[in-house]
PDB file of N, CA and C in Angstrom:
ATOM      1  N   MET A   1     -11.804   0.062 -61.984  1.00  0.00           N
ATOM      2  CA  MET A   1     -12.080   1.250 -61.401  1.00  0.00           C
ATOM      3  C   MET A   1     -12.824   0.600 -60.083  1.00  0.00           C
ATOM      4  N   LEU A   2     -13.728  -0.115 -60.548  1.00  0.00           N
ATOM      5  CA  LEU A   2     -14.544  -1.147 -59.215  1.00  0.00           C
ATOM      6  C   LEU A   2     -13.713  -1.645 -58.606  1.00  0.00           C
ATOM      7  N   LYS A   3     -12.698  -2.955 -59.373  1.00  0.00           N
ATOM      8  CA  LYS A   3     -12.142  -3.731 -58.595  1.00  0.00           C
ATOM      9  C   LYS A   3     -11.082  -2.997 -57.796  1.00  0.00           C
ATOM     10  N   GLN A   4     -10.547  -1.922 -58.024  1.00  0.00           N
ATOM     11  CA  GLN A   4      -9.660  -1.219 -57.138  1.00  0.00           C
ATOM     12  C   GLN A   4     -10.451  -0.713 -55.856  1.00  0.00           C
ATOM     13  N   PHE A   5     -11.609  -0.275 -56.044  1.00  0.00           N
ATOM     14  CA  PHE A   5     -12.267   0.203 -54.855  1.00  0.00           C
ATOM     15  C   PHE A   5     -12.701  -1.005 -53.861  1.00  0.00           C
ATOM     16  N   VAL A   6     -13.166  -2.103 -54.540  1.00  0.00           N
ATOM     17  CA  VAL A   6     -13.395  -3.227 -53.535  1.00  0.00           C
ATOM     18  C   VAL A   6     -12.132  -3.770 -52.713  1.00  0.00           C
ATOM     19  N   ALA A   7     -10.984  -3.673 -53.689  1.00  0.00           N
ATOM     20  CA  ALA A   7      -9.959  -4.114 -53.086  1.00  0.00           C
ATOM     21  C   ALA A   7      -9.551  -3.053 -51.904  1.00  0.00           C
ATOM     22  N   LEU A   8      -9.698  -1.665 -51.949  1.00  0.00           N
ATOM     23  CA  LEU A   8      -9.195  -0.964 -50.840  1.00  0.00           C
ATOM     24  C   LEU A   8     -10.279  -0.847 -49.787  1.00  0.00           C
ATOM     25  N   GLN A   9     -11.379  -1.273 -50.184  1.00  0.00           N
ATOM     26  CA  GLN A   9     -12.549  -1.620 -48.802  1.00  0.00           C
ATOM     27  C   GLN A   9     -12.022  -2.870 -48.169  1.00  0.00           C
ATOM     28  N   VAL A  10     -11.634  -3.902 -48.791  1.00  0.00           N
ATOM     29  CA  VAL A  10     -11.062  -5.019 -48.211  1.00  0.00           C
ATOM     30  C   VAL A  10     -10.054  -4.849 -47.458  1.00  0.00           C
ATOM     31  N   TRP A  11      -8.897  -4.370 -47.892  1.00  0.00           N
ATOM     32  CA  TRP A  11      -7.833  -3.890 -46.854  1.00  0.00           C
ATOM     33  C   TRP A  11      -8.205  -2.934 -45.918  1.00  0.00           C
ATOM     34  N   VAL A  12      -8.912  -2.154 -46.058  1.00  0.00           N
ATOM     35  CA  VAL A  12      -9.413  -1.243 -44.938  1.00  0.00           C
ATOM     36  C   VAL A  12     -10.054  -1.830 -43.871  1.00  0.00           C
ATOM     37  N   ALA A  13     -11.058  -2.736 -44.303  1.00  0.00           N
ATOM     38  CA  ALA A  13     -11.641  -3.722 -43.271  1.00  0.00           C
ATOM     39  C   ALA A  13     -10.717  -5.080 -42.534  1.00  0.00           C
ATOM     40  N   SER A  14      -9.815  -5.359 -43.327  1.00  0.00           N
ATOM     41  CA  SER A  14      -8.550  -6.126 -42.601  1.00  0.00           C
ATOM     42  C   SER A  14      -7.889  -5.397 -41.823  1.00  0.00           C
ATOM     43  N   ARG A  15      -7.273  -4.117 -42.040  1.00  0.00           N
ATOM     44  CA  ARG A  15      -6.662  -3.212 -41.056  1.00  0.00           C
ATOM     45  C   ARG A  15      -7.683  -3.159 -39.875  1.00  0.00           C
ATOM     46  N   LYS A  16      -8.914  -2.728 -40.080  1.00  0.00           N
ATOM     47  CA  LYS A  16      -9.398  -2.418 -38.865  1.00  0.00           C
ATOM     48  C   LYS A  16      -9.554  -3.798 -37.731  1.00  0.00           C
ATOM     49  N   LEU A  17      -9.657  -4.933 -38.536  1.00  0.00           N
ATOM     50  CA  LEU A  17      -9.874  -6.226 -37.615  1.00  0.00           C
ATOM     51  C   LEU A  17      -8.711  -6.566 -36.749  1.00  0.00           C
ATOM     52  N   ASN A  18      -7.470  -6.345 -37.537  1.00  0.00           N
ATOM     53  CA  ASN A  18      -6.209  -6.473 -36.820  1.00  0.00           C
ATOM     54  C   ASN A  18      -5.830  -5.308 -35.963  1.00  0.00           C
ATOM     55  N   ALA A  19      -6.289  -4.199 -36.020  1.00  0.00           N
ATOM     56  CA  ALA A  19      -6.238  -3.116 -34.959  1.00  0.00           C
ATOM     57  C   ALA A  19      -7.048  -3.528 -33.581  1.00  0.00           C
ATOM     58  N   LYS A  20      -8.424  -3.938 -33.789  1.00  0.00           N
ATOM     59  CA  LYS A  20      -8.954  -4.346 -32.772  1.00  0.00           C
ATOM     60  C   LYS A  20      -8.514  -5.488 -31.929  1.00  0.00           C
ATOM     61  N   LYS A  21      -8.151  -6.766 -32.702  1.00  0.00           N
ATOM     62  CA  LYS A  21      -7.295  -7.801 -32.238  1.00  0.00           C
ATOM     63  C   LYS A  21      -6.078  -7.279 -31.169  1.00  0.00           C
ATOM     64  N   GLY A  22      -5.156  -6.376 -31.646  1.00  0.00           N
ATOM     65  CA  GLY A  22      -4.465  -5.721 -31.164  1.00  0.00           C
ATOM     66  C   GLY A  22      -4.966  -4.816 -29.940  1.00  0.00           C
ATOM     67  N   GLN A  23      -5.859  -4.288 -29.771  1.00  0.00           N
ATOM     68  CA  GLN A  23      -6.327  -3.617 -28.834  1.00  0.00           C
ATOM     69  C   GLN A  23      -7.041  -4.606 -27.834  1.00  0.00           C
ATOM     70  N   SER A  24      -7.736  -5.641 -28.318  1.00  0.00           N
ATOM     71  CA  SER A  24      -7.871  -6.406 -27.359  1.00  0.00           C
ATOM     72  C   SER A  24      -7.008  -7.310 -26.459  1.00  0.00           C
ATOM     73  N   LEU A  25      -5.926  -7.521 -27.322  1.00  0.00           N
ATOM     74  CA  LEU A  25      -4.785  -7.938 -26.523  1.00  0.00           C
ATOM     75  C   LEU A  25      -3.989  -7.369 -25.698  1.00  0.00           C
ATOM     76  N   ALA A  26      -4.422  -5.993 -25.691  1.00  0.00           N
ATOM     77  CA  ALA A  26      -3.613  -5.342 -24.760  1.00  0.00           C
ATOM     78  C   ALA A  26      -4.570  -5.052 -23.654  1.00  0.00           C
ATOM     79  N   GLU A  27      -5.871  -4.931 -23.964  1.00  0.00           N
ATOM     80  CA  GLU A  27      -6.703  -5.104 -22.475  1.00  0.00           C
ATOM     81  C   GLU A  27      -6.486  -6.066 -21.829  1.00  0.00           C
ATOM     82  N   TYR A  28      -6.579  -7.473 -22.221  1.00  0.00           N
ATOM     83  CA  TYR A  28      -6.462  -8.814 -21.754  1.00  0.00           C
ATOM     84  C   TYR A  28      -4.991  -8.448 -20.887  1.00  0.00           C
ATOM     85  N   GLY A  29      -4.277  -7.737 -21.351  1.00  0.00           N
ATOM     86  CA  GLY A  29      -2.881  -7.770 -20.808  1.00  0.00           C
ATOM     87  C   GLY A  29      -3.020  -7.077 -19.320  1.00  0.00           C
ATOM     88  N   LEU A  30      -3.630  -5.939 -19.633  1.00  0.00           N
ATOM     89  CA  LEU A  30      -4.241  -4.824 -18.485  1.00  0.00           C
ATOM     90  C   LEU A  30      -4.552  -5.471 -17.532  1.00  0.00           C
ATOM     91  N   ILE A  31      -5.755  -6.294 -18.040  1.00  0.00           N
ATOM     92  CA  ILE A  31      -6.627  -6.781 -16.805  1.00  0.00           C
ATOM     93  C   ILE A  31      -5.785  -7.946 -15.977  1.00  0.00           C
ATOM     94  N   LEU A  32      -5.059  -9.058 -16.807  1.00  0.00           N
ATOM     95  CA  LEU A  32      -4.281  -9.637 -16.099  1.00  0.00           C
ATOM     96  C   LEU A  32      -3.481  -8.875 -15.172  1.00  0.00           C
ATOM     97  N   ALA A  33      -2.615  -7.769 -15.459  1.00  0.00           N
ATOM     98  CA  ALA A  33      -1.821  -7.430 -14.973  1.00  0.00           C
ATOM     99  C   ALA A  33      -2.674  -6.851 -13.309  1.00  0.00           C
ATOM    100  N   LEU A  34      -3.777  -6.412 -13.485  1.00  0.00           N
ATOM    101  CA  LEU A  34      -4.651  -5.707 -12.526  1.00  0.00           C
ATOM    102  C   LEU A  34      -5.035  -7.020 -11.390  1.00  0.00           C
ATOM    103  N   VAL A  35      -5.319  -7.946 -12.045  1.00  0.00           N
ATOM    104  CA  VAL A  35      -5.626  -8.956 -11.354  1.00  0.00           C
ATOM    105  C   VAL A  35      -4.332  -9.515 -10.377  1.00  0.00           C
ATOM    106  N   ALA A  36      -3.116  -9.723 -10.885  1.00  0.00           N
ATOM    107  CA  ALA A  36      -2.003 -10.086 -10.536  1.00  0.00           C
ATOM    108  C   ALA A  36      -1.779  -9.252  -9.365  1.00  0.00           C
ATOM    109  N   VAL A  37      -1.703  -7.857  -9.254  1.00  0.00           N
ATOM    110  CA  VAL A  37      -1.590  -6.845  -8.393  1.00  0.00           C
ATOM    111  C   VAL A  37      -2.501  -7.147  -7.100  1.00  0.00           C
ATOM    112  N   PHE A  38      -3.939  -7.457  -7.412  1.00  0.00           N
ATOM    113  CA  PHE A  38      -4.981  -7.750  -6.453  1.00  0.00           C
ATOM    114  C   PHE A  38      -4.279  -8.879  -5.689  1.00  0.00           C
ATOM    115  N   CYS A  39      -3.978 -10.258  -6.549  1.00  0.00           N
ATOM    116  CA  CYS A  39      -3.532 -11.275  -5.621  1.00  0.00           C
ATOM    117  C   CYS A  39      -2.334 -10.809  -4.815  1.00  0.00           C
ATOM    118  N   ILE A  40      -1.256 -10.156  -5.347  1.00  0.00           N
ATOM    119  CA  ILE A  40      -0.041 -10.017  -4.525  1.00  0.00           C
ATOM    120  C   ILE A  40      -0.391  -9.342  -3.048  1.00  0.00           C
ATOM    121  N   ALA A  41      -1.277  -8.322  -3.355  1.00  0.00           N
ATOM    122  CA  ALA A  41      -1.820  -7.667  -2.007  1.00  0.00           C
ATOM    123  C   ALA A  41      -2.572  -8.430  -1.385  1.00  0.00           C
ATOM    124  N   ALA A  42      -3.461  -9.218  -1.758  1.00  0.00           N
ATOM    125  CA  ALA A  42      -4.227 -10.186  -0.862  1.00  0.00           C
ATOM    126  C   ALA A  42      -3.164 -10.888   0.092  1.00  0.00           C
ATOM    127  N   LEU A  43      -2.487 -11.575  -0.649  1.00  0.00           N
ATOM    128  CA  LEU A  43      -1.231 -12.425  -0.112  1.00  0.00           C
ATOM    129  C   LEU A  43      -0.666 -11.557   0.937  1.00  0.00           C
ATOM    130  N   GLN A  44      -0.277 -10.723   0.803  1.00  0.00           N
ATOM    131  CA  GLN A  44       0.374  -9.564   1.689  1.00  0.00           C
ATOM    132  C   GLN A  44      -0.345  -9.454   2.807  1.00  0.00           C
ATOM    133  N   LEU A  45      -1.629  -8.963   2.755  1.00  0.00           N
ATOM    134  CA  LEU A  45      -2.322  -9.006   3.642  1.00  0.00           C
ATOM    135  C   LEU A  45      -2.633 -10.044   4.706  1.00  0.00           C
ATOM    136  N   LEU A  46      -3.200 -11.081   3.814  1.00  0.00           N
ATOM    137  CA  LEU A  46      -3.687 -12.107   4.580  1.00  0.00           C
ATOM    138  C   LEU A  46      -2.575 -13.393   4.896  1.00  0.00           C
ATOM    139  N   GLY A  47      -1.207 -13.164   4.525  1.00  0.00           N
ATOM    140  CA  GLY A  47      -0.571 -14.314   4.498  1.00  0.00           C
ATOM    141  C   GLY A  47      -0.144 -14.922   5.907  1.00  0.00           C
ATOM    142  N   ASN A  48      -0.125 -13.850   6.821  1.00  0.00           N
ATOM    143  CA  ASN A  48       0.286 -14.257   8.037  1.00  0.00           C
ATOM    144  C   ASN A  48      -0.710 -15.139   8.685  1.00  0.00           C
ATOM    145  N   ASN A  49      -2.169 -14.559   8.506  1.00  0.00           N
ATOM    146  CA  ASN A  49      -3.306 -14.897   9.036  1.00  0.00           C
ATOM    147  C   ASN A  49      -3.633 -16.560   8.545  1.00  0.00           C
ATOM    148  N   ILE A  50      -3.507 -16.771   7.330  1.00  0.00           N
ATOM    149  CA  ILE A  50      -3.563 -18.147   6.749  1.00  0.00           C
ATOM    150  C   ILE A  50      -2.636 -18.963   7.307  1.00  0.00           C
ATOM    151  N   THR A  51      -1.398 -18.245   7.469  1.00  0.00           N
ATOM    152  CA  THR A  51      -0.069 -19.144   7.982  1.00  0.00           C
ATOM    153  C   THR A  51      -0.564 -19.676   9.603  1.00  0.00           C
ATOM    154  N   GLN A  52      -0.977 -18.974  10.281  1.00  0.00           N
ATOM    155  CA  GLN A  52      -1.156 -19.482  11.637  1.00  0.00           C
ATOM    156  C   GLN A  52      -2.643 -20.193  11.976  1.00  0.00           C
ATOM    157  N   MET A  53      -3.506 -20.238  10.773  1.00  0.00           N
ATOM    158  CA  MET A  53      -4.583 -20.998  10.681  1.00  0.00           C
ATOM    159  C   MET A  53      -4.150 -22.249  10.291  1.00  0.00           C
ATOM    160  N   LEU A  54      -3.418 -22.357   9.338  1.00  0.00           N
ATOM    161  CA  LEU A  54      -2.627 -23.629   8.855  1.00  0.00           C
ATOM    162  C   LEU A  54      -2.030 -24.267  10.313  1.00  0.00           C
ATOM    163  N   ASN A  55      -1.250 -23.788  10.750  1.00  0.00           N
ATOM    164  CA  ASN A  55      -0.564 -24.088  11.863  1.00  0.00           C
ATOM    165  C   ASN A  55      -1.181 -24.637  12.861  1.00  0.00           C
ATOM    166  N   GLY A  56      -2.210 -23.844  13.375  1.00  0.00           N
ATOM    167  CA  GLY A  56      -3.016 -24.419  14.296  1.00  0.00           C
ATOM    168  C   GLY A  56      -3.579 -25.423  14.023  1.00  0.00           C
ATOM    169  N   LEU A  57      -4.581 -25.697  12.341  1.00  0.00           N
ATOM    170  CA  LEU A  57      -5.189 -26.858  12.080  1.00  0.00           C
ATOM    171  C   LEU A  57      -4.035 -27.782  12.069  1.00  0.00           C
ATOM    172  N   ALA A  58      -2.793 -28.131  11.559  1.00  0.00           N
ATOM    173  CA  ALA A  58      -1.712 -28.927  11.707  1.00  0.00           C
ATOM    174  C   ALA A  58      -1.719 -29.571  12.979  1.00  0.00           C
ATOM    175  N   SER A  59      -1.546 -28.331  14.281  1.00  0.00           N
ATOM    176  CA  SER A  59      -1.200 -29.094  15.658  1.00  0.00           C
ATOM    177  C   SER A  59      -2.590 -29.717  15.963  1.00  0.00           C
ATOM    178  N   THR A  60      -3.976 -29.389  15.835  1.00  0.00           N
ATOM    179  CA  THR A  60      -4.788 -30.245  15.825  1.00  0.00           C
ATOM    180  C   THR A  60      -4.999 -31.497  15.270  1.00  0.00           C
ATOM    181  N   ILE A  61      -4.783 -31.440  14.236  1.00  0.00           N
ATOM    182  CA  ILE A  61      -4.877 -32.511  13.666  1.00  0.00           C
ATOM    183  C   ILE A  61      -3.747 -33.505  14.098  1.00  0.00           C
ATOM    184  N   GLY A  62      -2.485 -33.019  14.238  1.00  0.00           N
ATOM    185  CA  GLY A  62      -1.070 -33.806  15.033  1.00  0.00           C
ATOM    186  C   GLY A  62      -1.755 -34.584  16.197  1.00  0.00           C
ATOM    187  N   GLY A  63      -2.601 -33.823  16.913  1.00  0.00           N
ATOM    188  CA  GLY A  63      -2.924 -34.183  18.483  1.00  0.00           C
ATOM    189  C   GLY A  63      -3.988 -35.192  18.458  1.00  0.00           C
ATOM    190  N   VAL A  64      -4.590 -35.582  17.401  1.00  0.00           N
ATOM    191  CA  VAL A  64      -5.916 -36.491  17.225  1.00  0.00           C
ATOM    192  C   VAL A  64      -5.108 -38.152  17.343  1.00  0.00           C
ATOM    193  N   ASN A  65      -5.635 -39.025  18.375  1.00  0.00           N
ATOM    194  CA  ASN A  65      -5.431 -40.109  18.484  1.00  0.00           C
ATOM    195  C   ASN A  65      -5.631 -40.999  17.157  1.00  0.00           C
ATOM    196  N   THR A  66      -4.910 -41.703  16.549  1.00  0.00           N
ATOM    197  CA  THR A  66      -5.187 -42.319  15.335  1.00  0.00           C
ATOM    198  C   THR A  66      -5.351 -43.688  15.737  1.00  0.00           C
ATOM    199  N   SER A  67      -4.892 -44.247  16.865  1.00  0.00           N
ATOM    200  CA  SER A  67      -4.867 -45.737  17.209  1.00  0.00           C
ATOM    201  C   SER A  67      -6.792 -45.888  17.493  1.00  0.00           C
ATOM    202  N   ALA A  68      -7.305 -47.182  16.795  1.00  0.00           N
ATOM    203  CA  ALA A  68      -8.308 -47.610  17.350  1.00  0.00           C
ATOM    204  C   ALA A  68      -8.432 -48.906  18.295  1.00  0.00           C
ATOM    205  N   GLY A  69      -8.021 -48.362  19.359  1.00  0.00           N
ATOM    206  CA  GLY A  69      -7.994 -50.133  20.067  1.00  0.00           C
ATOM    207  C   GLY A  69      -8.373 -49.593  21.612  1.00  0.00           C
TER     208      GLY A  69
END
């Protein structure tokens, strides 16, 4: 009888561990999805400004005289 009780306790404990792992995985998935949404929103809002800044930087660098003489 004691062996069956111990086996039951081990089984319940292993089920709890597996449930927590699944729950953690789901939470990480939700966090990852939320971060992806924020990144996409930031790129949508700042994309034109970043493009203009990089184009201005490229034209400034392109206008520099590189001949040393």
